[in-house]
Amino acid sequence: MPADHLSATFAALADPTRRAILARLVLGETSVGELAEPFDMSLPAVSKHLKVLQHAGLITRSREAQWRPCKLEPEALKDIDLWLEDYRRLWSERFDRLDDYLKKLQAKGKKRGRKK
């Protein structure tokens, strides 16, 4: 995945309104009007958020007569997960090493305690 597309995805996810829209779309496809209901903003403002999400590949929008449903595209989230995997593995290994080190320190402390 090109870095610029990844940047667009993270930028889209940086806004709490857009994250809330995605959370709603996890439940299934829905109309723009239904997505806008819980927000204290105009329909055009919600539409701008949807355009950002669509540009990032996180949602798709279609048209069926007067109904314009939005749908979550989970593949875009998989790209983020793949990008994060290297960091997840790195930190997991570091925490494992830290855990081993702390166990060694505790074992040394117990040995010293017995001598007294």
PDB file of N, CA and C in Angstrom:
ATOM      1  N   MET A   1       0.850  -1.179   0.000  1.00  0.00           N
ATOM      2  CA  MET A   1       0.000   0.000   0.000  1.00  0.00           C
ATOM      3  C   MET A   1       0.892   1.238   0.000  1.00  0.00           C
ATOM      4  N   PRO A   2       0.706   2.158  -0.923  1.00  0.00           N
ATOM      5  CA  PRO A   2       1.536   3.359  -0.970  1.00  0.00           C
ATOM      6  C   PRO A   2       1.341   4.205   0.277  1.00  0.00           C
ATOM      7  N   ALA A   3       2.417   4.871   0.687  1.00  0.00           N
ATOM      8  CA  ALA A   3       2.381   5.676   1.907  1.00  0.00           C
ATOM      9  C   ALA A   3       1.333   6.783   1.823  1.00  0.00           C
ATOM     10  N   ASP A   4       1.131   7.383   0.641  1.00  0.00           N
ATOM     11  CA  ASP A   4       0.167   8.472   0.543  1.00  0.00           C
ATOM     12  C   ASP A   4      -1.258   7.980   0.788  1.00  0.00           C
ATOM     13  N   HIS A   5      -1.573   6.766   0.355  1.00  0.00           N
ATOM     14  CA  HIS A   5      -2.898   6.212   0.614  1.00  0.00           C
ATOM     15  C   HIS A   5      -3.053   5.915   2.106  1.00  0.00           C
ATOM     16  N   LEU A   6      -2.000   5.413   2.709  1.00  0.00           N
ATOM     17  CA  LEU A   6      -2.011   5.144   4.143  1.00  0.00           C
ATOM     18  C   LEU A   6      -2.196   6.448   4.918  1.00  0.00           C
ATOM     19  N   SER A   7      -1.551   7.499   4.464  1.00  0.00           N
ATOM     20  CA  SER A   7      -1.708   8.814   5.106  1.00  0.00           C
ATOM     21  C   SER A   7      -3.151   9.297   4.998  1.00  0.00           C
ATOM     22  N   ALA A   8      -3.765   9.103   3.859  1.00  0.00           N
ATOM     23  CA  ALA A   8      -5.164   9.499   3.677  1.00  0.00           C
ATOM     24  C   ALA A   8      -6.068   8.698   4.608  1.00  0.00           C
ATOM     25  N   THR A   9      -5.756   7.433   4.799  1.00  0.00           N
ATOM     26  CA  THR A   9      -6.559   6.588   5.679  1.00  0.00           C
ATOM     27  C   THR A   9      -6.426   7.046   7.128  1.00  0.00           C
ATOM     28  N   PHE A  10      -5.184   7.284   7.579  1.00  0.00           N
ATOM     29  CA  PHE A  10      -4.995   7.757   8.948  1.00  0.00           C
ATOM     30  C   PHE A  10      -5.612   9.138   9.148  1.00  0.00           C
ATOM     31  N   ALA A  11      -5.513  10.007   8.166  1.00  0.00           N
ATOM     32  CA  ALA A  11      -6.119  11.340   8.267  1.00  0.00           C
ATOM     33  C   ALA A  11      -7.637  11.217   8.394  1.00  0.00           C
ATOM     34  N   ALA A  12      -8.222  10.310   7.640  1.00  0.00           N
ATOM     35  CA  ALA A  12      -9.672  10.105   7.720  1.00  0.00           C
ATOM     36  C   ALA A  12     -10.063   9.594   9.105  1.00  0.00           C
ATOM     37  N   LEU A  13      -9.257   8.717   9.660  1.00  0.00           N
ATOM     38  CA  LEU A  13      -9.560   8.139  10.971  1.00  0.00           C
ATOM     39  C   LEU A  13      -9.258   9.097  12.131  1.00  0.00           C
ATOM     40  N   ALA A  14      -8.550  10.167  11.862  1.00  0.00           N
ATOM     41  CA  ALA A  14      -8.170  11.105  12.922  1.00  0.00           C
ATOM     42  C   ALA A  14      -9.364  11.888  13.467  1.00  0.00           C
ATOM     43  N   ASP A  15     -10.440  11.970  12.715  1.00  0.00           N
ATOM     44  CA  ASP A  15     -11.593  12.751  13.137  1.00  0.00           C
ATOM     45  C   ASP A  15     -12.610  11.871  13.878  1.00  0.00           C
ATOM     46  N   PRO A  16     -13.058  12.292  15.062  1.00  0.00           N
ATOM     47  CA  PRO A  16     -14.003  11.471  15.828  1.00  0.00           C
ATOM     48  C   PRO A  16     -15.360  11.282  15.143  1.00  0.00           C
ATOM     49  N   THR A  17     -15.800  12.271  14.381  1.00  0.00           N
ATOM     50  CA  THR A  17     -17.068  12.122  13.661  1.00  0.00           C
ATOM     51  C   THR A  17     -16.953  11.024  12.618  1.00  0.00           C
ATOM     52  N   ARG A  18     -15.843  10.999  11.902  1.00  0.00           N
ATOM     53  CA  ARG A  18     -15.665   9.959  10.880  1.00  0.00           C
ATOM     54  C   ARG A  18     -15.539   8.577  11.516  1.00  0.00           C
ATOM     55  N   ARG A  19     -14.866   8.496  12.672  1.00  0.00           N
ATOM     56  CA  ARG A  19     -14.786   7.205  13.361  1.00  0.00           C
ATOM     57  C   ARG A  19     -16.176   6.748  13.811  1.00  0.00           C
ATOM     58  N   ALA A  20     -16.993   7.688  14.258  1.00  0.00           N
ATOM     59  CA  ALA A  20     -18.362   7.351  14.665  1.00  0.00           C
ATOM     60  C   ALA A  20     -19.185   6.875  13.466  1.00  0.00           C
ATOM     61  N   ILE A  21     -18.980   7.492  12.323  1.00  0.00           N
ATOM     62  CA  ILE A  21     -19.677   7.063  11.104  1.00  0.00           C
ATOM     63  C   ILE A  21     -19.259   5.633  10.752  1.00  0.00           C
ATOM     64  N   LEU A  22     -17.971   5.359  10.821  1.00  0.00           N
ATOM     65  CA  LEU A  22     -17.495   3.995  10.534  1.00  0.00           C
ATOM     66  C   LEU A  22     -18.076   2.993  11.527  1.00  0.00           C
ATOM     67  N   ALA A  23     -18.149   3.384  12.799  1.00  0.00           N
ATOM     68  CA  ALA A  23     -18.717   2.491  13.811  1.00  0.00           C
ATOM     69  C   ALA A  23     -20.168   2.160  13.471  1.00  0.00           C
ATOM     70  N   ARG A  24     -20.894   3.139  12.976  1.00  0.00           N
ATOM     71  CA  ARG A  24     -22.284   2.892  12.580  1.00  0.00           C
ATOM     72  C   ARG A  24     -22.343   1.972  11.367  1.00  0.00           C
ATOM     73  N   LEU A  25     -21.435   2.146  10.425  1.00  0.00           N
ATOM     74  CA  LEU A  25     -21.443   1.329   9.211  1.00  0.00           C
ATOM     75  C   LEU A  25     -21.027  -0.120   9.467  1.00  0.00           C
ATOM     76  N   VAL A  26     -20.401  -0.381  10.602  1.00  0.00           N
ATOM     77  CA  VAL A  26     -20.093  -1.767  10.969  1.00  0.00           C
ATOM     78  C   VAL A  26     -21.390  -2.568  11.082  1.00  0.00           C
ATOM     79  N   LEU A  27     -22.473  -1.890  11.473  1.00  0.00           N
ATOM     80  CA  LEU A  27     -23.771  -2.546  11.621  1.00  0.00           C
ATOM     81  C   LEU A  27     -24.425  -2.865  10.281  1.00  0.00           C
ATOM     82  N   GLY A  28     -23.940  -2.249   9.221  1.00  0.00           N
ATOM     83  CA  GLY A  28     -24.495  -2.516   7.900  1.00  0.00           C
ATOM     84  C   GLY A  28     -24.662  -1.248   7.077  1.00  0.00           C
ATOM     85  N   GLU A  29     -24.969  -1.464   5.830  1.00  0.00           N
ATOM     86  CA  GLU A  29     -25.170  -0.383   4.871  1.00  0.00           C
ATOM     87  C   GLU A  29     -26.321   0.512   5.329  1.00  0.00           C
ATOM     88  N   THR A  30     -26.161   1.817   5.157  1.00  0.00           N
ATOM     89  CA  THR A  30     -27.213   2.748   5.557  1.00  0.00           C
ATOM     90  C   THR A  30     -27.161   4.009   4.709  1.00  0.00           C
ATOM     91  N   SER A  31     -28.196   4.792   4.792  1.00  0.00           N
ATOM     92  CA  SER A  31     -28.285   6.013   3.977  1.00  0.00           C
ATOM     93  C   SER A  31     -27.525   7.165   4.643  1.00  0.00           C
ATOM     94  N   VAL A  32     -27.240   8.168   3.838  1.00  0.00           N
ATOM     95  CA  VAL A  32     -26.562   9.365   4.326  1.00  0.00           C
ATOM     96  C   VAL A  32     -27.416  10.047   5.395  1.00  0.00           C
ATOM     97  N   GLY A  33     -28.700  10.115   5.156  1.00  0.00           N
ATOM     98  CA  GLY A  33     -29.608  10.742   6.122  1.00  0.00           C
ATOM     99  C   GLY A  33     -29.581  10.039   7.472  1.00  0.00           C
ATOM    100  N   GLU A  34     -29.589   8.719   7.459  1.00  0.00           N
ATOM    101  CA  GLU A  34     -29.538   7.966   8.714  1.00  0.00           C
ATOM    102  C   GLU A  34     -28.196   8.148   9.414  1.00  0.00           C
ATOM    103  N   LEU A  35     -27.128   8.234   8.634  1.00  0.00           N
ATOM    104  CA  LEU A  35     -25.807   8.465   9.225  1.00  0.00           C
ATOM    105  C   LEU A  35     -25.729   9.837   9.881  1.00  0.00           C
ATOM    106  N   ALA A  36     -26.429  10.808   9.307  1.00  0.00           N
ATOM    107  CA  ALA A  36     -26.370  12.186   9.796  1.00  0.00           C
ATOM    108  C   ALA A  36     -27.184  12.402  11.071  1.00  0.00           C
ATOM    109  N   GLU A  37     -28.172  11.554  11.342  1.00  0.00           N
ATOM    110  CA  GLU A  37     -29.102  11.770  12.453  1.00  0.00           C
ATOM    111  C   GLU A  37     -28.442  12.058  13.807  1.00  0.00           C
ATOM    112  N   PRO A  38     -27.462  11.279  14.245  1.00  0.00           N
ATOM    113  CA  PRO A  38     -26.935  11.525  15.595  1.00  0.00           C
ATOM    114  C   PRO A  38     -26.017  12.749  15.722  1.00  0.00           C
ATOM    115  N   PHE A  39     -25.695  13.386  14.623  1.00  0.00           N
ATOM    116  CA  PHE A  39     -24.733  14.486  14.665  1.00  0.00           C
ATOM    117  C   PHE A  39     -25.432  15.839  14.609  1.00  0.00           C
ATOM    118  N   ASP A  40     -24.886  16.786  15.347  1.00  0.00           N
ATOM    119  CA  ASP A  40     -25.420  18.141  15.364  1.00  0.00           C
ATOM    120  C   ASP A  40     -24.705  18.944  14.274  1.00  0.00           C
ATOM    121  N   MET A  41     -24.963  18.535  13.025  1.00  0.00           N
ATOM    122  CA  MET A  41     -24.359  19.235  11.893  1.00  0.00           C
ATOM    123  C   MET A  41     -25.265  19.076  10.683  1.00  0.00           C
ATOM    124  N   SER A  42     -25.025  19.898   9.704  1.00  0.00           N
ATOM    125  CA  SER A  42     -25.855  19.872   8.501  1.00  0.00           C
ATOM    126  C   SER A  42     -25.557  18.634   7.657  1.00  0.00           C
ATOM    127  N   LEU A  43     -26.482  18.311   6.785  1.00  0.00           N
ATOM    128  CA  LEU A  43     -26.287  17.188   5.864  1.00  0.00           C
ATOM    129  C   LEU A  43     -25.077  17.419   4.952  1.00  0.00           C
ATOM    130  N   PRO A  44     -24.866  18.651   4.441  1.00  0.00           N
ATOM    131  CA  PRO A  44     -23.661  18.880   3.637  1.00  0.00           C
ATOM    132  C   PRO A  44     -22.367  18.655   4.427  1.00  0.00           C
ATOM    133  N   ALA A  45     -22.365  18.978   5.722  1.00  0.00           N
ATOM    134  CA  ALA A  45     -21.165  18.753   6.547  1.00  0.00           C
ATOM    135  C   ALA A  45     -20.905  17.255   6.700  1.00  0.00           C
ATOM    136  N   VAL A  46     -21.965  16.486   6.911  1.00  0.00           N
ATOM    137  CA  VAL A  46     -21.817  15.022   6.997  1.00  0.00           C
ATOM    138  C   VAL A  46     -21.330  14.484   5.661  1.00  0.00           C
ATOM    139  N   SER A  47     -21.856  15.031   4.596  1.00  0.00           N
ATOM    140  CA  SER A  47     -21.442  14.604   3.261  1.00  0.00           C
ATOM    141  C   SER A  47     -19.955  14.834   3.033  1.00  0.00           C
ATOM    142  N   LYS A  48     -19.418  15.932   3.559  1.00  0.00           N
ATOM    143  CA  LYS A  48     -17.974  16.200   3.438  1.00  0.00           C
ATOM    144  C   LYS A  48     -17.170  15.125   4.171  1.00  0.00           C
ATOM    145  N   HIS A  49     -17.636  14.732   5.351  1.00  0.00           N
ATOM    146  CA  HIS A  49     -16.969  13.655   6.086  1.00  0.00           C
ATOM    147  C   HIS A  49     -17.001  12.353   5.277  1.00  0.00           C
ATOM    148  N   LEU A  50     -18.127  12.087   4.656  1.00  0.00           N
ATOM    149  CA  LEU A  50     -18.263  10.872   3.851  1.00  0.00           C
ATOM    150  C   LEU A  50     -17.311  10.885   2.655  1.00  0.00           C
ATOM    151  N   LYS A  51     -17.128  12.056   2.065  1.00  0.00           N
ATOM    152  CA  LYS A  51     -16.200  12.166   0.938  1.00  0.00           C
ATOM    153  C   LYS A  51     -14.771  11.848   1.370  1.00  0.00           C
ATOM    154  N   VAL A  52     -14.393  12.303   2.561  1.00  0.00           N
ATOM    155  CA  VAL A  52     -13.045  11.997   3.074  1.00  0.00           C
ATOM    156  C   VAL A  52     -12.904  10.493   3.287  1.00  0.00           C
ATOM    157  N   LEU A  53     -13.914   9.882   3.886  1.00  0.00           N
ATOM    158  CA  LEU A  53     -13.884   8.432   4.108  1.00  0.00           C
ATOM    159  C   LEU A  53     -13.839   7.667   2.789  1.00  0.00           C
ATOM    160  N   GLN A  54     -14.588   8.148   1.816  1.00  0.00           N
ATOM    161  CA  GLN A  54     -14.607   7.505   0.501  1.00  0.00           C
ATOM    162  C   GLN A  54     -13.261   7.660  -0.201  1.00  0.00           C
ATOM    163  N   HIS A  55     -12.664   8.835  -0.120  1.00  0.00           N
ATOM    164  CA  HIS A  55     -11.360   9.082  -0.732  1.00  0.00           C
ATOM    165  C   HIS A  55     -10.296   8.155  -0.133  1.00  0.00           C
ATOM    166  N   ALA A  56     -10.414   7.882   1.157  1.00  0.00           N
ATOM    167  CA  ALA A  56      -9.462   7.002   1.841  1.00  0.00           C
ATOM    168  C   ALA A  56      -9.751   5.525   1.568  1.00  0.00           C
ATOM    169  N   GLY A  57     -10.852   5.245   0.884  1.00  0.00           N
ATOM    170  CA  GLY A  57     -11.198   3.859   0.572  1.00  0.00           C
ATOM    171  C   GLY A  57     -11.877   3.123   1.713  1.00  0.00           C
ATOM    172  N   LEU A  58     -12.286   3.860   2.748  1.00  0.00           N
ATOM    173  CA  LEU A  58     -12.905   3.231   3.909  1.00  0.00           C
ATOM    174  C   LEU A  58     -14.391   2.940   3.712  1.00  0.00           C
ATOM    175  N   ILE A  59     -15.021   3.679   2.809  1.00  0.00           N
ATOM    176  CA  ILE A  59     -16.432   3.432   2.502  1.00  0.00           C
ATOM    177  C   ILE A  59     -16.651   3.524   0.997  1.00  0.00           C
ATOM    178  N   THR A  60     -17.766   2.974   0.569  1.00  0.00           N
ATOM    179  CA  THR A  60     -18.226   3.189  -0.799  1.00  0.00           C
ATOM    180  C   THR A  60     -19.635   3.756  -0.715  1.00  0.00           C
ATOM    181  N   ARG A  61     -19.979   4.558  -1.703  1.00  0.00           N
ATOM    182  CA  ARG A  61     -21.314   5.143  -1.783  1.00  0.00           C
ATOM    183  C   ARG A  61     -21.901   4.758  -3.124  1.00  0.00           C
ATOM    184  N   SER A  62     -23.167   4.408  -3.090  1.00  0.00           N
ATOM    185  CA  SER A  62     -23.838   4.054  -4.338  1.00  0.00           C
ATOM    186  C   SER A  62     -25.164   4.794  -4.418  1.00  0.00           C
ATOM    187  N   ARG A  63     -25.840   4.585  -5.521  1.00  0.00           N
ATOM    188  CA  ARG A  63     -27.123   5.263  -5.724  1.00  0.00           C
ATOM    189  C   ARG A  63     -28.129   4.229  -6.208  1.00  0.00           C
ATOM    190  N   GLU A  64     -29.237   4.162  -5.484  1.00  0.00           N
ATOM    191  CA  GLU A  64     -30.346   3.295  -5.873  1.00  0.00           C
ATOM    192  C   GLU A  64     -31.599   4.162  -5.836  1.00  0.00           C
ATOM    193  N   ALA A  65     -31.981   4.678  -6.992  1.00  0.00           N
ATOM    194  CA  ALA A  65     -33.090   5.626  -7.106  1.00  0.00           C
ATOM    195  C   ALA A  65     -32.808   6.824  -6.195  1.00  0.00           C
ATOM    196  N   GLN A  66     -33.681   7.082  -5.210  1.00  0.00           N
ATOM    197  CA  GLN A  66     -33.477   8.211  -4.300  1.00  0.00           C
ATOM    198  C   GLN A  66     -32.615   7.845  -3.092  1.00  0.00           C
ATOM    199  N   TRP A  67     -32.353   6.570  -2.917  1.00  0.00           N
ATOM    200  CA  TRP A  67     -31.581   6.096  -1.757  1.00  0.00           C
ATOM    201  C   TRP A  67     -30.108   6.065  -2.111  1.00  0.00           C
ATOM    202  N   ARG A  68     -29.273   6.657  -1.269  1.00  0.00           N
ATOM    203  CA  ARG A  68     -27.823   6.687  -1.487  1.00  0.00           C
ATOM    204  C   ARG A  68     -27.121   6.006  -0.320  1.00  0.00           C
ATOM    205  N   PRO A  69     -27.022   4.689  -0.389  1.00  0.00           N
ATOM    206  CA  PRO A  69     -26.429   3.961   0.738  1.00  0.00           C
ATOM    207  C   PRO A  69     -24.903   4.084   0.800  1.00  0.00           C
ATOM    208  N   CYS A  70     -24.401   4.007   2.029  1.00  0.00           N
ATOM    209  CA  CYS A  70     -22.969   3.986   2.285  1.00  0.00           C
ATOM    210  C   CYS A  70     -22.640   2.623   2.872  1.00  0.00           C
ATOM    211  N   LYS A  71     -21.479   2.128   2.519  1.00  0.00           N
ATOM    212  CA  LYS A  71     -21.082   0.791   2.960  1.00  0.00           C
ATOM    213  C   LYS A  71     -19.621   0.825   3.408  1.00  0.00           C
ATOM    214  N   LEU A  72     -19.332   0.167   4.514  1.00  0.00           N
ATOM    215  CA  LEU A  72     -17.966   0.056   5.021  1.00  0.00           C
ATOM    216  C   LEU A  72     -17.158  -0.855   4.105  1.00  0.00           C
ATOM    217  N   GLU A  73     -15.909  -0.482   3.864  1.00  0.00           N
ATOM    218  CA  GLU A  73     -14.983  -1.298   3.077  1.00  0.00           C
ATOM    219  C   GLU A  73     -13.862  -1.770   4.004  1.00  0.00           C
ATOM    220  N   PRO A  74     -14.027  -2.934   4.621  1.00  0.00           N
ATOM    221  CA  PRO A  74     -13.064  -3.394   5.624  1.00  0.00           C
ATOM    222  C   PRO A  74     -11.663  -3.665   5.090  1.00  0.00           C
ATOM    223  N   GLU A  75     -11.513  -3.849   3.805  1.00  0.00           N
ATOM    224  CA  GLU A  75     -10.177  -4.098   3.236  1.00  0.00           C
ATOM    225  C   GLU A  75      -9.216  -2.949   3.533  1.00  0.00           C
ATOM    226  N   ALA A  76      -9.724  -1.725   3.549  1.00  0.00           N
ATOM    227  CA  ALA A  76      -8.869  -0.568   3.848  1.00  0.00           C
ATOM    228  C   ALA A  76      -8.339  -0.649   5.273  1.00  0.00           C
ATOM    229  N   LEU A  77      -9.124  -1.193   6.177  1.00  0.00           N
ATOM    230  CA  LEU A  77      -8.669  -1.355   7.560  1.00  0.00           C
ATOM    231  C   LEU A  77      -7.638  -2.470   7.668  1.00  0.00           C
ATOM    232  N   LYS A  78      -7.737  -3.458   6.802  1.00  0.00           N
ATOM    233  CA  LYS A  78      -6.734  -4.529   6.785  1.00  0.00           C
ATOM    234  C   LYS A  78      -5.362  -3.972   6.415  1.00  0.00           C
ATOM    235  N   ASP A  79      -5.332  -2.991   5.523  1.00  0.00           N
ATOM    236  CA  ASP A  79      -4.061  -2.364   5.140  1.00  0.00           C
ATOM    237  C   ASP A  79      -3.391  -1.700   6.347  1.00  0.00           C
ATOM    238  N   ILE A  80      -4.192  -1.060   7.177  1.00  0.00           N
ATOM    239  CA  ILE A  80      -3.642  -0.441   8.390  1.00  0.00           C
ATOM    240  C   ILE A  80      -3.125  -1.530   9.322  1.00  0.00           C
ATOM    241  N   ASP A  81      -3.887  -2.595   9.455  1.00  0.00           N
ATOM    242  CA  ASP A  81      -3.473  -3.695  10.321  1.00  0.00           C
ATOM    243  C   ASP A  81      -2.152  -4.299   9.851  1.00  0.00           C
ATOM    244  N   LEU A  82      -1.986  -4.452   8.560  1.00  0.00           N
ATOM    245  CA  LEU A  82      -0.728  -4.970   8.024  1.00  0.00           C
ATOM    246  C   LEU A  82       0.427  -4.024   8.329  1.00  0.00           C
ATOM    247  N   TRP A  83       0.183  -2.740   8.185  1.00  0.00           N
ATOM    248  CA  TRP A  83       1.220  -1.753   8.467  1.00  0.00           C
ATOM    249  C   TRP A  83       1.607  -1.789   9.943  1.00  0.00           C
ATOM    250  N   LEU A  84       0.617  -1.952  10.808  1.00  0.00           N
ATOM    251  CA  LEU A  84       0.869  -1.972  12.246  1.00  0.00           C
ATOM    252  C   LEU A  84       1.515  -3.271  12.724  1.00  0.00           C
ATOM    253  N   GLU A  85       1.401  -4.330  11.969  1.00  0.00           N
ATOM    254  CA  GLU A  85       1.892  -5.635  12.399  1.00  0.00           C
ATOM    255  C   GLU A  85       3.375  -5.614  12.768  1.00  0.00           C
ATOM    256  N   ASP A  86       4.204  -4.955  11.985  1.00  0.00           N
ATOM    257  CA  ASP A  86       5.633  -4.877  12.305  1.00  0.00           C
ATOM    258  C   ASP A  86       5.859  -4.205  13.659  1.00  0.00           C
ATOM    259  N   TYR A  87       5.111  -3.158  13.921  1.00  0.00           N
ATOM    260  CA  TYR A  87       5.243  -2.455  15.195  1.00  0.00           C
ATOM    261  C   TYR A  87       4.686  -3.292  16.337  1.00  0.00           C
ATOM    262  N   ARG A  88       3.602  -3.988  16.096  1.00  0.00           N
ATOM    263  CA  ARG A  88       3.020  -4.861  17.108  1.00  0.00           C
ATOM    264  C   ARG A  88       4.022  -5.944  17.492  1.00  0.00           C
ATOM    265  N   ARG A  89       4.662  -6.538  16.506  1.00  0.00           N
ATOM    266  CA  ARG A  89       5.668  -7.588  16.738  1.00  0.00           C
ATOM    267  C   ARG A  89       6.871  -7.009  17.487  1.00  0.00           C
ATOM    268  N   LEU A  90       7.344  -5.840  17.066  1.00  0.00           N
ATOM    269  CA  LEU A  90       8.477  -5.187  17.722  1.00  0.00           C
ATOM    270  C   LEU A  90       8.198  -4.959  19.205  1.00  0.00           C
ATOM    271  N   TRP A  91       7.048  -4.366  19.520  1.00  0.00           N
ATOM    272  CA  TRP A  91       6.739  -4.061  20.916  1.00  0.00           C
ATOM    273  C   TRP A  91       6.471  -5.320  21.717  1.00  0.00           C
ATOM    274  N   SER A  92       5.901  -6.305  21.102  1.00  0.00           N
ATOM    275  CA  SER A  92       5.678  -7.571  21.801  1.00  0.00           C
ATOM    276  C   SER A  92       7.013  -8.193  22.206  1.00  0.00           C
ATOM    277  N   GLU A  93       7.970  -8.187  21.279  1.00  0.00           N
ATOM    278  CA  GLU A  93       9.299  -8.726  21.580  1.00  0.00           C
ATOM    279  C   GLU A  93       9.986  -7.912  22.670  1.00  0.00           C
ATOM    280  N   ARG A  94       9.867  -6.599  22.621  1.00  0.00           N
ATOM    281  CA  ARG A  94      10.488  -5.750  23.644  1.00  0.00           C
ATOM    282  C   ARG A  94       9.864  -5.995  25.019  1.00  0.00           C
ATOM    283  N   PHE A  95       8.562  -6.123  25.068  1.00  0.00           N
ATOM    284  CA  PHE A  95       7.907  -6.388  26.348  1.00  0.00           C
ATOM    285  C   PHE A  95       8.272  -7.770  26.879  1.00  0.00           C
ATOM    286  N   ASP A  96       8.409  -8.739  25.986  1.00  0.00           N
ATOM    287  CA  ASP A  96       8.842 -10.073  26.420  1.00  0.00           C
ATOM    288  C   ASP A  96      10.237 -10.017  27.033  1.00  0.00           C
ATOM    289  N   ARG A  97      11.154  -9.277  26.397  1.00  0.00           N
ATOM    290  CA  ARG A  97      12.513  -9.136  26.935  1.00  0.00           C
ATOM    291  C   ARG A  97      12.494  -8.411  28.285  1.00  0.00           C
ATOM    292  N   LEU A  98      11.667  -7.383  28.387  1.00  0.00           N
ATOM    293  CA  LEU A  98      11.545  -6.663  29.648  1.00  0.00           C
ATOM    294  C   LEU A  98      11.002  -7.589  30.732  1.00  0.00           C
ATOM    295  N   ASP A  99      10.017  -8.386  30.400  1.00  0.00           N
ATOM    296  CA  ASP A  99       9.453  -9.338  31.346  1.00  0.00           C
ATOM    297  C   ASP A  99      10.519 -10.326  31.826  1.00  0.00           C
ATOM    298  N   ASP A 100      11.319 -10.850  30.897  1.00  0.00           N
ATOM    299  CA  ASP A 100      12.406 -11.767  31.263  1.00  0.00           C
ATOM    300  C   ASP A 100      13.404 -11.079  32.192  1.00  0.00           C
ATOM    301  N   TYR A 101      13.759  -9.849  31.887  1.00  0.00           N
ATOM    302  CA  TYR A 101      14.709  -9.097  32.698  1.00  0.00           C
ATOM    303  C   TYR A 101      14.161  -8.874  34.116  1.00  0.00           C
ATOM    304  N   LEU A 102      12.883  -8.496  34.205  1.00  0.00           N
ATOM    305  CA  LEU A 102      12.288  -8.270  35.517  1.00  0.00           C
ATOM    306  C   LEU A 102      12.215  -9.553  36.338  1.00  0.00           C
ATOM    307  N   LYS A 103      11.949 -10.658  35.680  1.00  0.00           N
ATOM    308  CA  LYS A 103      11.933 -11.946  36.386  1.00  0.00           C
ATOM    309  C   LYS A 103      13.324 -12.283  36.925  1.00  0.00           C
ATOM    310  N   LYS A 104      14.372 -12.000  36.154  1.00  0.00           N
ATOM    311  CA  LYS A 104      15.744 -12.229  36.617  1.00  0.00           C
ATOM    312  C   LYS A 104      16.061 -11.351  37.825  1.00  0.00           C
ATOM    313  N   LEU A 105      15.646 -10.088  37.774  1.00  0.00           N
ATOM    314  CA  LEU A 105      15.872  -9.189  38.902  1.00  0.00           C
ATOM    315  C   LEU A 105      15.138  -9.678  40.151  1.00  0.00           C
ATOM    316  N   GLN A 106      13.917 -10.137  39.982  1.00  0.00           N
ATOM    317  CA  GLN A 106      13.153 -10.646  41.112  1.00  0.00           C
ATOM    318  C   GLN A 106      13.820 -11.896  41.693  1.00  0.00           C
ATOM    319  N   ALA A 107      14.324 -12.768  40.816  1.00  0.00           N
ATOM    320  CA  ALA A 107      14.994 -13.985  41.276  1.00  0.00           C
ATOM    321  C   ALA A 107      16.259 -13.625  42.058  1.00  0.00           C
ATOM    322  N   LYS A 108      17.017 -12.659  41.584  1.00  0.00           N
ATOM    323  CA  LYS A 108      18.219 -12.210  42.306  1.00  0.00           C
ATOM    324  C   LYS A 108      17.843 -11.633  43.663  1.00  0.00           C
ATOM    325  N   GLY A 109      16.772 -10.873  43.707  1.00  0.00           N
ATOM    326  CA  GLY A 109      16.305 -10.267  44.959  1.00  0.00           C
ATOM    327  C   GLY A 109      15.911 -11.317  45.973  1.00  0.00           C
ATOM    328  N   LYS A 110      15.280 -12.387  45.521  1.00  0.00           N
ATOM    329  CA  LYS A 110      14.872 -13.464  46.424  1.00  0.00           C
ATOM    330  C   LYS A 110      16.087 -14.197  46.976  1.00  0.00           C
ATOM    331  N   LYS A 111      17.099 -14.405  46.141  1.00  0.00           N
ATOM    332  CA  LYS A 111      18.322 -15.086  46.583  1.00  0.00           C
ATOM    333  C   LYS A 111      19.023 -14.257  47.657  1.00  0.00           C
ATOM    334  N   ARG A 112      19.076 -12.969  47.479  1.00  0.00           N
ATOM    335  CA  ARG A 112      19.711 -12.072  48.435  1.00  0.00           C
ATOM    336  C   ARG A 112      18.930 -12.068  49.746  1.00  0.00           C
ATOM    337  N   GLY A 113      17.648 -12.138  49.662  1.00  0.00           N
ATOM    338  CA  GLY A 113      16.785 -12.120  50.850  1.00  0.00           C
ATOM    339  C   GLY A 113      16.998 -13.345  51.722  1.00  0.00           C
ATOM    340  N   ARG A 114      17.320 -14.475  51.148  1.00  0.00           N
ATOM    341  CA  ARG A 114      17.503 -15.718  51.899  1.00  0.00           C
ATOM    342  C   ARG A 114      18.776 -15.676  52.741  1.00  0.00           C
ATOM    343  N   LYS A 115      19.789 -14.997  52.255  1.00  0.00           N
ATOM    344  CA  LYS A 115      21.087 -14.964  52.944  1.00  0.00           C
ATOM    345  C   LYS A 115      20.995 -14.184  54.255  1.00  0.00           C
ATOM    346  N   LYS A 116      20.108 -13.248  54.347  1.00  0.00           N
ATOM    347  CA  LYS A 116      20.028 -12.394  55.541  1.00  0.00           C
ATOM    348  C   LYS A 116      19.403 -13.097  56.694  1.00  0.00           C
TER     349      LYS A 116
END
